[in-house]
Amino acid sequence: MTFTSKKDADAYDKMLDIAESLEAILSTINVPLSEQQVESLALEMAKDKDNIINALKGTLKINDEKPAKNDNKKTAGDESDNVAKIKKVS
């Protein structure tokens, strides 16, 4: 990846470091996620870290939420193909 400034490169590196830390946390939870799903989820959480932090603090208001940035227009049917089925274990 090429950056136009050191500031942009440093911000990207920081985001990747956060994603790596989140991957470590997500890999320890008792939810069946593939390695690819863990990596993708951690990266998306790192990209939106400010809203994640506010949600964890309990300060995120519904009006503060930004719509997800999604360059690929998908239909509802497409999204369901990417969702892992979770079985409730008794």
PDB file of N, CA and C in Angstrom:
ATOM      1  N   MET A   1       0.847  -1.168   0.000  1.00  0.00           N
ATOM      2  CA  MET A   1       0.000   0.000   0.000  1.00  0.00           C
ATOM      3  C   MET A   1       0.898   1.239   0.000  1.00  0.00           C
ATOM      4  N   THR A   2       0.534   2.236  -0.771  1.00  0.00           N
ATOM      5  CA  THR A   2       1.308   3.471  -0.876  1.00  0.00           C
ATOM      6  C   THR A   2       0.545   4.608  -0.219  1.00  0.00           C
ATOM      7  N   PHE A   3       1.269   5.398   0.564  1.00  0.00           N
ATOM      8  CA  PHE A   3       0.659   6.525   1.262  1.00  0.00           C
ATOM      9  C   PHE A   3       1.301   7.821   0.810  1.00  0.00           C
ATOM     10  N   THR A   4       0.515   8.891   0.866  1.00  0.00           N
ATOM     11  CA  THR A   4       1.019  10.195   0.436  1.00  0.00           C
ATOM     12  C   THR A   4       1.706  10.943   1.560  1.00  0.00           C
ATOM     13  N   SER A   5       1.496  10.493   2.800  1.00  0.00           N
ATOM     14  CA  SER A   5       2.151  11.175   3.918  1.00  0.00           C
ATOM     15  C   SER A   5       2.516  10.172   5.006  1.00  0.00           C
ATOM     16  N   LYS A   6       3.486  10.545   5.807  1.00  0.00           N
ATOM     17  CA  LYS A   6       3.899   9.707   6.927  1.00  0.00           C
ATOM     18  C   LYS A   6       2.752   9.573   7.925  1.00  0.00           C
ATOM     19  N   LYS A   7       1.983  10.646   8.102  1.00  0.00           N
ATOM     20  CA  LYS A   7       0.858  10.630   9.034  1.00  0.00           C
ATOM     21  C   LYS A   7      -0.157   9.557   8.633  1.00  0.00           C
ATOM     22  N   ASP A   8      -0.478   9.481   7.343  1.00  0.00           N
ATOM     23  CA  ASP A   8      -1.419   8.472   6.858  1.00  0.00           C
ATOM     24  C   ASP A   8      -0.863   7.062   7.051  1.00  0.00           C
ATOM     25  N   ALA A   9       0.415   6.889   6.774  1.00  0.00           N
ATOM     26  CA  ALA A   9       1.052   5.581   6.941  1.00  0.00           C
ATOM     27  C   ALA A   9       1.055   5.160   8.404  1.00  0.00           C
ATOM     28  N   ASP A  10       1.360   6.094   9.296  1.00  0.00           N
ATOM     29  CA  ASP A  10       1.367   5.796  10.731  1.00  0.00           C
ATOM     30  C   ASP A  10      -0.034   5.443  11.229  1.00  0.00           C
ATOM     31  N   ALA A  11      -1.046   6.157  10.743  1.00  0.00           N
ATOM     32  CA  ALA A  11      -2.428   5.878  11.144  1.00  0.00           C
ATOM     33  C   ALA A  11      -2.837   4.478  10.683  1.00  0.00           C
ATOM     34  N   TYR A  12      -2.432   4.104   9.484  1.00  0.00           N
ATOM     35  CA  TYR A  12      -2.752   2.779   8.958  1.00  0.00           C
ATOM     36  C   TYR A  12      -2.047   1.696   9.779  1.00  0.00           C
ATOM     37  N   ASP A  13      -0.778   1.926  10.110  1.00  0.00           N
ATOM     38  CA  ASP A  13      -0.034   0.973  10.935  1.00  0.00           C
ATOM     39  C   ASP A  13      -0.694   0.796  12.298  1.00  0.00           C
ATOM     40  N   LYS A  14      -1.147   1.904  12.885  1.00  0.00           N
ATOM     41  CA  LYS A  14      -1.814   1.843  14.185  1.00  0.00           C
ATOM     42  C   LYS A  14      -3.110   1.040  14.081  1.00  0.00           C
ATOM     43  N   MET A  15      -3.863   1.258  13.002  1.00  0.00           N
ATOM     44  CA  MET A  15      -5.101   0.527  12.794  1.00  0.00           C
ATOM     45  C   MET A  15      -4.817  -0.976  12.662  1.00  0.00           C
ATOM     46  N   LEU A  16      -3.740  -1.342  11.965  1.00  0.00           N
ATOM     47  CA  LEU A  16      -3.377  -2.752  11.828  1.00  0.00           C
ATOM     48  C   LEU A  16      -2.959  -3.353  13.172  1.00  0.00           C
ATOM     49  N   ASP A  17      -2.252  -2.575  13.999  1.00  0.00           N
ATOM     50  CA  ASP A  17      -1.869  -3.039  15.338  1.00  0.00           C
ATOM     51  C   ASP A  17      -3.105  -3.301  16.194  1.00  0.00           C
ATOM     52  N   ILE A  18      -4.076  -2.395  16.107  1.00  0.00           N
ATOM     53  CA  ILE A  18      -5.326  -2.566  16.854  1.00  0.00           C
ATOM     54  C   ILE A  18      -6.050  -3.818  16.364  1.00  0.00           C
ATOM     55  N   ALA A  19      -6.095  -4.004  15.053  1.00  0.00           N
ATOM     56  CA  ALA A  19      -6.756  -5.185  14.484  1.00  0.00           C
ATOM     57  C   ALA A  19      -6.081  -6.467  14.971  1.00  0.00           C
ATOM     58  N   GLU A  20      -4.771  -6.460  15.051  1.00  0.00           N
ATOM     59  CA  GLU A  20      -4.038  -7.636  15.528  1.00  0.00           C
ATOM     60  C   GLU A  20      -4.391  -7.945  16.989  1.00  0.00           C
ATOM     61  N   SER A  21      -4.488  -6.913  17.804  1.00  0.00           N
ATOM     62  CA  SER A  21      -4.874  -7.101  19.206  1.00  0.00           C
ATOM     63  C   SER A  21      -6.300  -7.634  19.312  1.00  0.00           C
ATOM     64  N   LEU A  22      -7.190  -7.095  18.489  1.00  0.00           N
ATOM     65  CA  LEU A  22      -8.577  -7.565  18.491  1.00  0.00           C
ATOM     66  C   LEU A  22      -8.672  -9.020  18.036  1.00  0.00           C
ATOM     67  N   GLU A  23      -7.838  -9.404  17.072  1.00  0.00           N
ATOM     68  CA  GLU A  23      -7.816 -10.798  16.618  1.00  0.00           C
ATOM     69  C   GLU A  23      -7.485 -11.728  17.777  1.00  0.00           C
ATOM     70  N   ALA A  24      -6.511 -11.327  18.588  1.00  0.00           N
ATOM     71  CA  ALA A  24      -6.120 -12.152  19.732  1.00  0.00           C
ATOM     72  C   ALA A  24      -7.289 -12.318  20.699  1.00  0.00           C
ATOM     73  N   ILE A  25      -8.029 -11.248  20.923  1.00  0.00           N
ATOM     74  CA  ILE A  25      -9.188 -11.314  21.821  1.00  0.00           C
ATOM     75  C   ILE A  25     -10.291 -12.176  21.205  1.00  0.00           C
ATOM     76  N   LEU A  26     -10.603 -11.921  19.938  1.00  0.00           N
ATOM     77  CA  LEU A  26     -11.692 -12.643  19.277  1.00  0.00           C
ATOM     78  C   LEU A  26     -11.411 -14.138  19.154  1.00  0.00           C
ATOM     79  N   SER A  27     -10.152 -14.508  19.035  1.00  0.00           N
ATOM     80  CA  SER A  27      -9.827 -15.928  18.887  1.00  0.00           C
ATOM     81  C   SER A  27     -10.024 -16.700  20.188  1.00  0.00           C
ATOM     82  N   THR A  28     -10.189 -15.994  21.316  1.00  0.00           N
ATOM     83  CA  THR A  28     -10.377 -16.672  22.598  1.00  0.00           C
ATOM     84  C   THR A  28     -11.846 -16.821  22.984  1.00  0.00           C
ATOM     85  N   ILE A  29     -12.748 -16.175  22.248  1.00  0.00           N
ATOM     86  CA  ILE A  29     -14.159 -16.249  22.620  1.00  0.00           C
ATOM     87  C   ILE A  29     -14.760 -17.571  22.168  1.00  0.00           C
ATOM     88  N   ASN A  30     -15.815 -17.968  22.828  1.00  0.00           N
ATOM     89  CA  ASN A  30     -16.434 -19.260  22.547  1.00  0.00           C
ATOM     90  C   ASN A  30     -17.552 -19.118  21.516  1.00  0.00           C
ATOM     91  N   VAL A  31     -17.199 -18.578  20.362  1.00  0.00           N
ATOM     92  CA  VAL A  31     -18.131 -18.452  19.243  1.00  0.00           C
ATOM     93  C   VAL A  31     -17.430 -19.046  18.027  1.00  0.00           C
ATOM     94  N   PRO A  32     -18.097 -19.944  17.323  1.00  0.00           N
ATOM     95  CA  PRO A  32     -17.444 -20.603  16.192  1.00  0.00           C
ATOM     96  C   PRO A  32     -17.238 -19.657  15.003  1.00  0.00           C
ATOM     97  N   LEU A  33     -16.052 -19.099  14.911  1.00  0.00           N
ATOM     98  CA  LEU A  33     -15.686 -18.235  13.789  1.00  0.00           C
ATOM     99  C   LEU A  33     -14.454 -18.815  13.113  1.00  0.00           C
ATOM    100  N   SER A  34     -14.427 -18.747  11.801  1.00  0.00           N
ATOM    101  CA  SER A  34     -13.241 -19.196  11.079  1.00  0.00           C
ATOM    102  C   SER A  34     -12.132 -18.162  11.266  1.00  0.00           C
ATOM    103  N   GLU A  35     -10.929 -18.543  10.936  1.00  0.00           N
ATOM    104  CA  GLU A  35      -9.797 -17.617  11.037  1.00  0.00           C
ATOM    105  C   GLU A  35     -10.032 -16.390  10.156  1.00  0.00           C
ATOM    106  N   GLN A  36     -10.581 -16.596   8.964  1.00  0.00           N
ATOM    107  CA  GLN A  36     -10.879 -15.489   8.049  1.00  0.00           C
ATOM    108  C   GLN A  36     -11.930 -14.560   8.643  1.00  0.00           C
ATOM    109  N   GLN A  37     -12.951 -15.120   9.280  1.00  0.00           N
ATOM    110  CA  GLN A  37     -13.987 -14.297   9.903  1.00  0.00           C
ATOM    111  C   GLN A  37     -13.415 -13.476  11.054  1.00  0.00           C
ATOM    112  N   VAL A  38     -12.544 -14.086  11.850  1.00  0.00           N
ATOM    113  CA  VAL A  38     -11.912 -13.369  12.960  1.00  0.00           C
ATOM    114  C   VAL A  38     -11.084 -12.212  12.425  1.00  0.00           C
ATOM    115  N   GLU A  39     -10.283 -12.468  11.382  1.00  0.00           N
ATOM    116  CA  GLU A  39      -9.451 -11.415  10.792  1.00  0.00           C
ATOM    117  C   GLU A  39     -10.308 -10.284  10.232  1.00  0.00           C
ATOM    118  N   SER A  40     -11.355 -10.633   9.507  1.00  0.00           N
ATOM    119  CA  SER A  40     -12.227  -9.618   8.903  1.00  0.00           C
ATOM    120  C   SER A  40     -12.946  -8.795   9.962  1.00  0.00           C
ATOM    121  N   LEU A  41     -13.472  -9.465  10.976  1.00  0.00           N
ATOM    122  CA  LEU A  41     -14.178  -8.770  12.048  1.00  0.00           C
ATOM    123  C   LEU A  41     -13.234  -7.846  12.809  1.00  0.00           C
ATOM    124  N   ALA A  42     -12.041  -8.322  13.121  1.00  0.00           N
ATOM    125  CA  ALA A  42     -11.063  -7.499  13.839  1.00  0.00           C
ATOM    126  C   ALA A  42     -10.680  -6.271  13.026  1.00  0.00           C
ATOM    127  N   LEU A  43     -10.477  -6.432  11.733  1.00  0.00           N
ATOM    128  CA  LEU A  43     -10.108  -5.306  10.878  1.00  0.00           C
ATOM    129  C   LEU A  43     -11.233  -4.282  10.806  1.00  0.00           C
ATOM    130  N   GLU A  44     -12.466  -4.742  10.638  1.00  0.00           N
ATOM    131  CA  GLU A  44     -13.601  -3.811  10.581  1.00  0.00           C
ATOM    132  C   GLU A  44     -13.799  -3.094  11.911  1.00  0.00           C
ATOM    133  N   MET A  45     -13.604  -3.809  13.023  1.00  0.00           N
ATOM    134  CA  MET A  45     -13.718  -3.173  14.337  1.00  0.00           C
ATOM    135  C   MET A  45     -12.626  -2.123  14.523  1.00  0.00           C
ATOM    136  N   ALA A  46     -11.421  -2.424  14.064  1.00  0.00           N
ATOM    137  CA  ALA A  46     -10.317  -1.469  14.182  1.00  0.00           C
ATOM    138  C   ALA A  46     -10.582  -0.227  13.337  1.00  0.00           C
ATOM    139  N   LYS A  47     -11.174  -0.414  12.162  1.00  0.00           N
ATOM    140  CA  LYS A  47     -11.494   0.726  11.301  1.00  0.00           C
ATOM    141  C   LYS A  47     -12.517   1.647  11.956  1.00  0.00           C
ATOM    142  N   ASP A  48     -13.413   1.081  12.757  1.00  0.00           N
ATOM    143  CA  ASP A  48     -14.480   1.865  13.386  1.00  0.00           C
ATOM    144  C   ASP A  48     -14.284   1.920  14.903  1.00  0.00           C
ATOM    145  N   LYS A  49     -13.019   2.011  15.317  1.00  0.00           N
ATOM    146  CA  LYS A  49     -12.678   1.905  16.735  1.00  0.00           C
ATOM    147  C   LYS A  49     -13.354   2.946  17.606  1.00  0.00           C
ATOM    148  N   ASP A  50     -13.560   4.141  17.097  1.00  0.00           N
ATOM    149  CA  ASP A  50     -14.178   5.189  17.913  1.00  0.00           C
ATOM    150  C   ASP A  50     -15.602   4.815  18.319  1.00  0.00           C
ATOM    151  N   ASN A  51     -16.385   4.303  17.379  1.00  0.00           N
ATOM    152  CA  ASN A  51     -17.746   3.868  17.706  1.00  0.00           C
ATOM    153  C   ASN A  51     -17.733   2.632  18.601  1.00  0.00           C
ATOM    154  N   ILE A  52     -16.770   1.738  18.398  1.00  0.00           N
ATOM    155  CA  ILE A  52     -16.653   0.549  19.246  1.00  0.00           C
ATOM    156  C   ILE A  52     -16.357   0.975  20.683  1.00  0.00           C
ATOM    157  N   ILE A  53     -15.419   1.897  20.852  1.00  0.00           N
ATOM    158  CA  ILE A  53     -15.068   2.389  22.190  1.00  0.00           C
ATOM    159  C   ILE A  53     -16.272   3.042  22.845  1.00  0.00           C
ATOM    160  N   ASN A  54     -16.978   3.885  22.102  1.00  0.00           N
ATOM    161  CA  ASN A  54     -18.162   4.548  22.658  1.00  0.00           C
ATOM    162  C   ASN A  54     -19.248   3.541  23.026  1.00  0.00           C
ATOM    163  N   ALA A  55     -19.411   2.511  22.221  1.00  0.00           N
ATOM    164  CA  ALA A  55     -20.404   1.480  22.531  1.00  0.00           C
ATOM    165  C   ALA A  55     -20.021   0.743  23.812  1.00  0.00           C
ATOM    166  N   LEU A  56     -18.743   0.434  23.978  1.00  0.00           N
ATOM    167  CA  LEU A  56     -18.293  -0.250  25.188  1.00  0.00           C
ATOM    168  C   LEU A  56     -18.436   0.626  26.423  1.00  0.00           C
ATOM    169  N   LYS A  57     -18.279   1.923  26.243  1.00  0.00           N
ATOM    170  CA  LYS A  57     -18.457   2.863  27.352  1.00  0.00           C
ATOM    171  C   LYS A  57     -19.930   3.103  27.649  1.00  0.00           C
ATOM    172  N   GLY A  58     -20.790   2.723  26.716  1.00  0.00           N
ATOM    173  CA  GLY A  58     -22.219   2.969  26.870  1.00  0.00           C
ATOM    174  C   GLY A  58     -22.614   4.376  26.474  1.00  0.00           C
ATOM    175  N   THR A  59     -21.753   5.043  25.708  1.00  0.00           N
ATOM    176  CA  THR A  59     -22.036   6.424  25.315  1.00  0.00           C
ATOM    177  C   THR A  59     -22.425   6.570  23.851  1.00  0.00           C
ATOM    178  N   LEU A  60     -22.486   5.478  23.111  1.00  0.00           N
ATOM    179  CA  LEU A  60     -22.863   5.552  21.700  1.00  0.00           C
ATOM    180  C   LEU A  60     -24.367   5.700  21.598  1.00  0.00           C
ATOM    181  N   LYS A  61     -24.800   6.759  20.961  1.00  0.00           N
ATOM    182  CA  LYS A  61     -26.223   6.978  20.736  1.00  0.00           C
ATOM    183  C   LYS A  61     -26.555   6.483  19.343  1.00  0.00           C
ATOM    184  N   ILE A  62     -27.779   6.053  19.154  1.00  0.00           N
ATOM    185  CA  ILE A  62     -28.210   5.521  17.860  1.00  0.00           C
ATOM    186  C   ILE A  62     -27.955   6.536  16.753  1.00  0.00           C
ATOM    187  N   ASN A  63     -28.184   7.813  17.005  1.00  0.00           N
ATOM    188  CA  ASN A  63     -27.977   8.848  15.990  1.00  0.00           C
ATOM    189  C   ASN A  63     -26.511   9.043  15.661  1.00  0.00           C
ATOM    190  N   ASP A  64     -25.599   8.619  16.554  1.00  0.00           N
ATOM    191  CA  ASP A  64     -24.166   8.761  16.323  1.00  0.00           C
ATOM    192  C   ASP A  64     -23.633   7.701  15.373  1.00  0.00           C
ATOM    193  N   GLU A  65     -24.378   6.605  15.224  1.00  0.00           N
ATOM    194  CA  GLU A  65     -23.895   5.505  14.409  1.00  0.00           C
ATOM    195  C   GLU A  65     -23.813   5.917  12.951  1.00  0.00           C
ATOM    196  N   LYS A  66     -22.682   5.569  12.335  1.00  0.00           N
ATOM    197  CA  LYS A  66     -22.494   5.843  10.916  1.00  0.00           C
ATOM    198  C   LYS A  66     -22.895   4.597  10.142  1.00  0.00           C
ATOM    199  N   PRO A  67     -23.509   4.770   8.994  1.00  0.00           N
ATOM    200  CA  PRO A  67     -23.786   3.591   8.178  1.00  0.00           C
ATOM    201  C   PRO A  67     -22.471   2.961   7.745  1.00  0.00           C
ATOM    202  N   ALA A  68     -22.459   1.654   7.647  1.00  0.00           N
ATOM    203  CA  ALA A  68     -21.244   0.955   7.246  1.00  0.00           C
ATOM    204  C   ALA A  68     -20.838   1.383   5.851  1.00  0.00           C
ATOM    205  N   LYS A  69     -19.546   1.618   5.678  1.00  0.00           N
ATOM    206  CA  LYS A  69     -19.029   1.952   4.355  1.00  0.00           C
ATOM    207  C   LYS A  69     -18.902   0.656   3.584  1.00  0.00           C
ATOM    208  N   ASN A  70     -19.644   0.548   2.516  1.00  0.00           N
ATOM    209  CA  ASN A  70     -19.633  -0.672   1.735  1.00  0.00           C
ATOM    210  C   ASN A  70     -19.631  -0.299   0.267  1.00  0.00           C
ATOM    211  N   ASP A  71     -18.476  -0.469  -0.356  1.00  0.00           N
ATOM    212  CA  ASP A  71     -18.350  -0.121  -1.769  1.00  0.00           C
ATOM    213  C   ASP A  71     -19.071  -1.125  -2.658  1.00  0.00           C
ATOM    214  N   ASN A  72     -19.213  -2.343  -2.185  1.00  0.00           N
ATOM    215  CA  ASN A  72     -19.879  -3.373  -2.968  1.00  0.00           C
ATOM    216  C   ASN A  72     -21.349  -3.380  -2.609  1.00  0.00           C
ATOM    217  N   LYS A  73     -22.180  -2.991  -3.530  1.00  0.00           N
ATOM    218  CA  LYS A  73     -23.623  -2.990  -3.291  1.00  0.00           C
ATOM    219  C   LYS A  73     -24.092  -4.439  -3.269  1.00  0.00           C
ATOM    220  N   LYS A  74     -24.707  -4.845  -2.166  1.00  0.00           N
ATOM    221  CA  LYS A  74     -25.191  -6.211  -2.035  1.00  0.00           C
ATOM    222  C   LYS A  74     -26.676  -6.193  -1.751  1.00  0.00           C
ATOM    223  N   THR A  75     -27.319  -7.249  -2.144  1.00  0.00           N
ATOM    224  CA  THR A  75     -28.727  -7.401  -1.809  1.00  0.00           C
ATOM    225  C   THR A  75     -28.819  -8.195  -0.517  1.00  0.00           C
ATOM    226  N   ALA A  76     -29.999  -8.219   0.061  1.00  0.00           N
ATOM    227  CA  ALA A  76     -30.189  -8.953   1.315  1.00  0.00           C
ATOM    228  C   ALA A  76     -29.821 -10.422   1.141  1.00  0.00           C
ATOM    229  N   GLY A  77     -30.107 -10.988  -0.014  1.00  0.00           N
ATOM    230  CA  GLY A  77     -29.766 -12.383  -0.266  1.00  0.00           C
ATOM    231  C   GLY A  77     -28.273 -12.626  -0.264  1.00  0.00           C
ATOM    232  N   ASP A  78     -27.499 -11.671  -0.775  1.00  0.00           N
ATOM    233  CA  ASP A  78     -26.052 -11.816  -0.800  1.00  0.00           C
ATOM    234  C   ASP A  78     -25.478 -11.836   0.607  1.00  0.00           C
ATOM    235  N   GLU A  79     -25.979 -10.970   1.487  1.00  0.00           N
ATOM    236  CA  GLU A  79     -25.441 -10.886   2.836  1.00  0.00           C
ATOM    237  C   GLU A  79     -25.686 -12.165   3.608  1.00  0.00           C
ATOM    238  N   SER A  80     -26.830 -12.783   3.436  1.00  0.00           N
ATOM    239  CA  SER A  80     -27.130 -13.994   4.197  1.00  0.00           C
ATOM    240  C   SER A  80     -26.180 -15.126   3.828  1.00  0.00           C
ATOM    241  N   ASP A  81     -25.605 -15.082   2.645  1.00  0.00           N
ATOM    242  CA  ASP A  81     -24.649 -16.100   2.247  1.00  0.00           C
ATOM    243  C   ASP A  81     -23.361 -16.003   3.048  1.00  0.00           C
ATOM    244  N   ASN A  82     -23.045 -14.821   3.580  1.00  0.00           N
ATOM    245  CA  ASN A  82     -21.799 -14.608   4.301  1.00  0.00           C
ATOM    246  C   ASN A  82     -21.951 -14.729   5.813  1.00  0.00           C
ATOM    247  N   VAL A  83     -23.139 -15.022   6.278  1.00  0.00           N
ATOM    248  CA  VAL A  83     -23.390 -15.095   7.711  1.00  0.00           C
ATOM    249  C   VAL A  83     -23.277 -16.538   8.163  1.00  0.00           C
ATOM    250  N   ALA A  84     -22.452 -16.750   9.195  1.00  0.00           N
ATOM    251  CA  ALA A  84     -22.290 -18.096   9.732  1.00  0.00           C
ATOM    252  C   ALA A  84     -23.496 -18.454  10.584  1.00  0.00           C
ATOM    253  N   LYS A  85     -23.983 -19.646  10.414  1.00  0.00           N
ATOM    254  CA  LYS A  85     -25.085 -20.127  11.238  1.00  0.00           C
ATOM    255  C   LYS A  85     -24.521 -20.481  12.609  1.00  0.00           C
ATOM    256  N   ILE A  86     -25.152 -19.972  13.656  1.00  0.00           N
ATOM    257  CA  ILE A  86     -24.692 -20.235  15.016  1.00  0.00           C
ATOM    258  C   ILE A  86     -25.711 -21.130  15.694  1.00  0.00           C
ATOM    259  N   LYS A  87     -25.225 -22.238  16.206  1.00  0.00           N
ATOM    260  CA  LYS A  87     -26.076 -23.195  16.892  1.00  0.00           C
ATOM    261  C   LYS A  87     -26.030 -22.918  18.378  1.00  0.00           C
ATOM    262  N   LYS A  88     -27.177 -22.877  19.010  1.00  0.00           N
ATOM    263  CA  LYS A  88     -27.230 -22.699  20.456  1.00  0.00           C
ATOM    264  C   LYS A  88     -26.970 -24.050  21.102  1.00  0.00           C
ATOM    265  N   VAL A  89     -25.987 -24.080  21.992  1.00  0.00           N
ATOM    266  CA  VAL A  89     -25.623 -25.313  22.674  1.00  0.00           C
ATOM    267  C   VAL A  89     -26.216 -25.289  24.072  1.00  0.00           C
ATOM    268  N   SER A  90     -26.930 -26.338  24.416  1.00  0.00           N
ATOM    269  CA  SER A  90     -27.572 -26.393  25.741  1.00  0.00           C
ATOM    270  C   SER A  90     -26.681 -27.063  26.743  1.00  0.00           C
TER     271      SER A  90
END
